[in-house]
Amino acid sequence: MVIKRSIDRSTVIKDVLYVPGIKCNLLSVGKRMEKEFSITMKNEVFKLFDEENKLVIRSPLSKNKTSKTLINSI
């Protein structure tokens, strides 16, 4: 999956499981950490950074500490 971050920037997330018919996609924090991404959860905000420490996703945390965000993918 390729996530479009801005007009001229994107991030590739490899080894993504495609599930036909699912209403939303799930992102495994543990799997992203295995692939050299880093994660912070601070002040009720989830942030995912790529291997160059560039912000890929920023999303508020819900009460149950999950994060729901819209992602522009290519």
Protein backbone atom coordinates (compact mmCIF):
# COMPACT_ATOMS: atom_id res chain seq x y z
CA MET A 1 0.00 0.00 0.00
CA VAL A 2 1.23 3.50 -0.80
CA ILE A 3 0.06 6.26 1.54
CA LYS A 4 -0.03 9.72 0.02
CA ARG A 5 1.28 12.13 2.70
CA SER A 6 1.31 15.38 0.72
CA ILE A 7 1.36 16.58 -2.87
CA ASP A 8 4.84 15.21 -3.61
CA ARG A 9 5.44 12.73 -0.77
CA SER A 10 4.31 9.19 -0.16
CA THR A 11 5.19 6.23 2.05
CA VAL A 12 5.16 2.56 1.07
CA ILE A 13 3.78 0.08 3.59
CA LYS A 14 4.66 -3.47 2.54
CA ASP A 15 3.13 -6.82 3.45
CA VAL A 16 -0.43 -5.52 3.78
CA LEU A 17 -3.24 -8.09 3.90
CA TYR A 18 -6.14 -7.34 1.55
CA VAL A 19 -9.54 -8.48 2.80
CA PRO A 20 -12.33 -8.14 0.20
CA GLY A 21 -15.52 -6.63 1.57
CA ILE A 22 -14.06 -5.27 4.81
CA LYS A 23 -15.44 -1.81 5.65
CA CYS A 24 -12.17 -0.49 7.08
CA ASN A 25 -8.51 -1.42 7.01
CA LEU A 26 -6.60 -2.43 10.12
CA LEU A 27 -2.99 -1.44 10.70
CA SER A 28 -0.95 -3.59 13.07
CA VAL A 29 1.27 -1.41 15.25
CA GLY A 30 3.51 -4.39 16.07
CA LYS A 31 3.99 -5.28 12.40
CA ARG A 32 4.87 -1.68 11.54
CA MET A 33 7.48 -1.62 14.31
CA GLU A 34 9.00 -4.82 12.85
CA LYS A 35 9.33 -2.97 9.52
CA GLU A 36 11.36 -0.08 11.03
CA PHE A 37 8.44 2.29 11.57
CA SER A 38 8.12 3.98 14.96
CA ILE A 39 5.01 4.86 16.91
CA THR A 40 4.16 7.37 19.62
CA MET A 41 0.96 7.63 21.63
CA LYS A 42 1.06 10.81 23.66
CA ASN A 43 -1.52 13.40 24.74
CA GLU A 44 -4.31 11.29 23.20
CA VAL A 45 -2.65 11.36 19.74
CA PHE A 46 -1.30 8.40 17.73
CA LYS A 47 1.62 9.11 15.38
CA LEU A 48 3.29 6.73 12.92
CA PHE A 49 6.75 7.64 11.58
CA ASP A 50 8.64 6.01 8.71
CA GLU A 51 12.24 4.75 8.84
CA GLU A 52 13.47 8.30 8.11
CA ASN A 53 11.45 9.58 11.10
CA LYS A 54 9.00 11.40 8.82
CA LEU A 55 5.38 11.59 10.00
CA VAL A 56 3.11 9.26 8.02
CA ILE A 57 -0.10 9.22 10.09
CA ARG A 58 -1.34 11.47 12.89
CA SER A 59 -4.67 10.60 14.43
CA PRO A 60 -6.53 11.20 17.71
CA LEU A 61 -6.94 8.25 20.06
CA SER A 62 -10.39 7.15 21.12
CA LYS A 63 -11.29 6.27 24.71
CA ASN A 64 -10.35 2.62 24.12
CA LYS A 65 -6.94 3.69 22.71
CA THR A 66 -7.71 2.82 19.12
CA SER A 67 -7.20 5.27 16.29
CA LYS A 68 -9.45 5.85 13.31
CA THR A 69 -8.14 7.91 10.42
CA LEU A 70 -8.75 8.48 6.71
CA ILE A 71 -5.74 7.54 4.62
CA ASN A 72 -5.18 8.63 1.04
CA SER A 73 -3.70 5.60 -0.68
CA ILE A 74 -2.48 5.27 -4.23
